[in-house]
Amino acid sequence: MNGKKIACVILMMIVAGITYGAQMFQKRAKAMREEAESAESSATNAQTMRTVAETALIRTKYDTRELREFLKQWEPELLKIQTGQEAEQALLSIVRNSHILTVSQKFEVKENRANPLVPKSLQGTLVVQDDYAKTMNWLGELERRLPLARIAVCRIRQGESGRQINMEINFDIPMVNLKADPEVKK
């Protein structure tokens, strides 16, 4: 082969190499463009989902504002009693301050694994005997100072004298855990 043919073959190889390189760059550029378009559409979808979630959050805040205000008002009462001992002390303090005659008292802390918001409650029975007006005022004071207390049974009978009554109450004082997740099932 002569020099012109060899130069032509080398030139053809260089042109073929440049053409192959250009094709490879074109494929890479096309793949990057497709990836960029995919990322852009994903970003647009994510932005749309974020907007929908923000709208749902605003709607939920609007729908629950009364409930949140109610909880904010009751939160100090809910946090006041967190243990069985605190509940028992509060109850005994009310009895002691009213100077009412206590015939019998029985308290027991019950576990409630089914409800994480109210994991424990103080359940008890209290029997008091005193003047009718004094006993009824004591019951009102109990409900005023322990508003979360639920009185399950209240039996009132005549006491030893005409003005005295014998009152037996079965109550339940919940200990609320505001930090618990109500959706979690144990």
Protein backbone atom coordinates (compact mmCIF):
# COMPACT_ATOMS: atom_id res chain seq x y z
CA MET A 1 0.00 0.00 0.00
CA ASN A 2 1.16 3.39 -0.75
CA GLY A 3 1.25 6.37 1.61
CA LYS A 4 -1.96 7.92 0.28
CA LYS A 5 -3.98 4.80 0.92
CA ILE A 6 -2.53 4.42 4.41
CA ALA A 7 -3.27 8.09 5.20
CA CYS A 8 -6.80 7.61 3.87
CA VAL A 9 -7.32 4.48 6.03
CA ILE A 10 -5.95 6.32 9.12
CA LEU A 11 -8.17 9.33 8.32
CA MET A 12 -11.19 6.99 7.95
CA MET A 13 -10.37 5.40 11.31
CA ILE A 14 -10.13 8.83 12.96
CA VAL A 15 -13.47 9.89 11.39
CA ALA A 16 -15.06 6.59 12.51
CA GLY A 17 -13.68 7.13 16.05
CA ILE A 18 -15.04 10.68 16.16
CA THR A 19 -18.43 9.48 14.85
CA TYR A 20 -18.53 6.66 17.44
CA GLY A 21 -17.56 9.10 20.23
CA ALA A 22 -20.25 11.57 19.07
CA GLN A 23 -22.86 8.79 19.12
CA MET A 24 -21.82 7.79 22.65
CA PHE A 25 -22.03 11.40 23.85
CA GLN A 26 -25.43 11.75 22.16
CA LYS A 27 -26.72 8.59 23.95
CA ARG A 28 -25.41 9.87 27.29
CA ALA A 29 -26.97 13.29 26.72
CA LYS A 30 -30.28 11.69 25.80
CA ALA A 31 -30.19 9.48 28.92
CA MET A 32 -29.37 12.53 31.08
CA ARG A 33 -32.22 14.52 29.49
CA GLU A 34 -34.65 11.66 30.20
CA GLU A 35 -33.35 11.41 33.76
CA ALA A 36 -33.74 15.18 34.20
CA GLU A 37 -37.30 15.05 32.84
CA SER A 38 -38.11 12.14 35.17
CA ALA A 39 -36.64 14.01 38.16
CA GLU A 40 -38.58 17.13 37.16
CA SER A 41 -41.86 15.21 36.93
CA SER A 42 -41.11 13.53 40.29
CA ALA A 43 -40.42 16.95 41.80
CA THR A 44 -43.69 18.29 40.35
CA ASN A 45 -45.59 15.28 41.76
CA ALA A 46 -43.92 15.73 45.15
CA GLN A 47 -44.81 19.45 45.12
CA THR A 48 -48.43 18.57 44.30
CA MET A 49 -48.52 15.97 47.08
CA ARG A 50 -47.01 18.50 49.52
CA THR A 51 -49.66 21.05 48.55
CA VAL A 52 -52.41 18.45 49.06
CA ALA A 53 -50.92 17.49 52.46
CA GLU A 54 -50.69 21.16 53.51
CA THR A 55 -54.32 21.66 52.51
CA ALA A 56 -55.32 18.57 54.51
CA LEU A 57 -53.32 19.85 57.51
CA ILE A 58 -54.98 23.26 57.34
CA ARG A 59 -58.38 21.56 57.06
CA THR A 60 -57.63 19.29 60.01
CA LYS A 61 -56.42 22.24 62.11
CA TYR A 62 -59.61 24.12 61.24
CA ASP A 63 -61.83 21.12 62.02
CA THR A 64 -60.10 20.40 65.34
CA ARG A 65 -59.58 23.92 66.68
CA GLU A 66 -62.48 23.62 69.15
CA LEU A 67 -61.19 20.26 70.37
CA ARG A 68 -57.65 21.65 70.75
CA GLU A 69 -58.98 24.66 72.69
CA PHE A 70 -60.96 22.28 74.92
CA LEU A 71 -57.83 20.20 75.54
CA LYS A 72 -55.80 23.34 76.27
CA GLN A 73 -58.31 24.37 78.93
CA TRP A 74 -58.35 20.92 80.53
CA GLU A 75 -54.62 20.23 80.28
CA PRO A 76 -53.76 21.61 83.77
CA GLU A 77 -56.43 19.36 85.30
CA LEU A 78 -55.16 16.36 83.32
CA LEU A 79 -51.58 16.95 84.40
CA LYS A 80 -52.50 17.52 88.05
CA ILE A 81 -52.93 13.80 88.76
CA GLN A 82 -50.41 11.47 87.14
CA THR A 83 -49.95 8.74 89.76
CA GLY A 84 -52.21 6.73 92.03
CA GLN A 85 -50.58 8.28 95.07
CA GLU A 86 -51.34 11.82 93.85
CA ALA A 87 -54.98 10.88 93.20
CA GLU A 88 -55.32 9.29 96.63
CA GLN A 89 -53.70 12.30 98.33
CA ALA A 90 -56.01 14.72 96.50
CA LEU A 91 -59.07 12.73 97.53
CA LEU A 92 -57.95 12.40 101.16
CA SER A 93 -57.16 16.12 101.23
CA ILE A 94 -60.73 16.91 100.23
CA VAL A 95 -62.05 14.55 102.93
CA ARG A 96 -59.71 15.99 105.56
CA ASN A 97 -60.47 19.65 104.72
CA SER A 98 -64.22 19.09 104.85
CA HIS A 99 -64.06 17.57 108.34
CA ILE A 100 -66.50 14.90 107.27
CA LEU A 101 -66.76 11.58 109.11
CA THR A 102 -65.39 8.74 107.01
CA VAL A 103 -66.79 5.33 107.88
CA SER A 104 -64.64 3.33 105.46
CA GLN A 105 -62.38 3.85 102.47
CA LYS A 106 -60.79 1.52 99.97
CA PHE A 107 -58.53 2.55 97.07
CA GLU A 108 -56.91 0.50 94.32
CA VAL A 109 -54.89 1.48 91.22
CA LYS A 110 -56.08 -0.43 88.14
CA GLU A 111 -54.01 -0.87 84.98
CA ASN A 112 -55.69 -0.31 81.63
CA ARG A 113 -53.51 -1.76 78.86
CA ALA A 114 -56.22 -1.37 76.23
CA ASN A 115 -56.19 2.43 76.35
CA PRO A 116 -52.75 4.12 76.20
CA LEU A 117 -54.30 7.54 76.89
CA VAL A 118 -55.59 6.36 80.28
CA PRO A 119 -53.07 3.69 81.32
CA LYS A 120 -54.10 3.70 85.00
CA SER A 121 -56.96 4.79 87.17
CA LEU A 122 -57.60 4.96 90.88
CA GLN A 123 -60.76 3.09 91.73
CA GLY A 124 -62.22 3.13 95.17
CA THR A 125 -65.13 3.10 97.53
CA LEU A 126 -65.70 5.73 100.17
CA VAL A 127 -68.42 5.61 102.82
CA VAL A 128 -69.11 8.81 104.74
CA GLN A 129 -71.68 9.64 107.37
CA ASP A 130 -72.45 13.16 108.47
CA ASP A 131 -74.99 15.97 108.31
CA TYR A 132 -77.01 16.04 105.05
CA ALA A 133 -75.97 19.56 103.99
CA LYS A 134 -72.32 19.02 104.93
CA THR A 135 -72.18 15.72 103.04
CA MET A 136 -73.79 17.14 99.90
CA ASN A 137 -71.45 20.15 100.01
CA TRP A 138 -68.53 17.73 100.34
CA LEU A 139 -69.76 15.84 97.25
CA GLY A 140 -69.94 19.12 95.32
CA GLU A 141 -66.42 20.03 96.48
CA LEU A 142 -65.20 16.61 95.36
CA GLU A 143 -66.62 17.18 91.89
CA ARG A 144 -65.22 20.73 91.79
CA ARG A 145 -61.68 19.83 92.90
CA LEU A 146 -61.46 16.53 90.99
CA PRO A 147 -63.45 17.20 87.80
CA LEU A 148 -62.08 14.09 86.08
CA ALA A 149 -63.39 11.81 88.81
CA ARG A 150 -66.24 9.64 87.63
CA ILE A 151 -68.70 8.61 90.28
CA ALA A 152 -70.07 5.23 89.24
CA VAL A 153 -72.31 4.57 92.24
CA CYS A 154 -73.72 6.96 94.82
CA ARG A 155 -75.96 5.38 97.44
CA ILE A 156 -77.56 7.64 100.00
CA ARG A 157 -79.31 6.21 103.06
CA GLN A 158 -80.60 7.70 106.24
CA GLY A 159 -77.98 7.95 108.97
CA GLU A 160 -78.26 7.36 112.68
CA SER A 161 -80.21 10.55 113.36
CA GLY A 162 -82.76 12.44 111.30
CA ARG A 163 -80.30 15.01 109.91
CA GLN A 164 -77.52 12.55 109.14
CA ILE A 165 -77.07 10.55 105.96
CA ASN A 166 -74.86 7.65 105.06
CA MET A 167 -73.35 8.05 101.56
CA GLU A 168 -71.42 5.35 99.73
CA ILE A 169 -69.67 6.36 96.52
CA ASN A 170 -67.74 4.22 94.08
CA PHE A 171 -65.45 6.39 91.97
CA ASP A 172 -62.86 6.20 89.27
CA ILE A 173 -60.11 8.85 88.89
CA PRO A 174 -58.25 8.45 85.57
CA MET A 175 -54.55 9.21 85.20
CA VAL A 176 -54.26 10.61 81.68
CA ASN A 177 -51.07 10.31 79.62
CA LEU A 178 -51.21 13.12 77.05
CA LYS A 179 -47.95 11.99 75.44
CA ALA A 180 -49.35 8.59 74.46
CA ASP A 181 -50.15 7.80 70.83
CA PRO A 182 -53.80 6.69 70.69
CA GLU A 183 -53.19 4.80 67.43
CA VAL A 184 -50.57 2.46 68.90
CA LYS A 185 -51.95 -0.95 69.87
CA LYS A 186 -49.92 -2.89 72.39
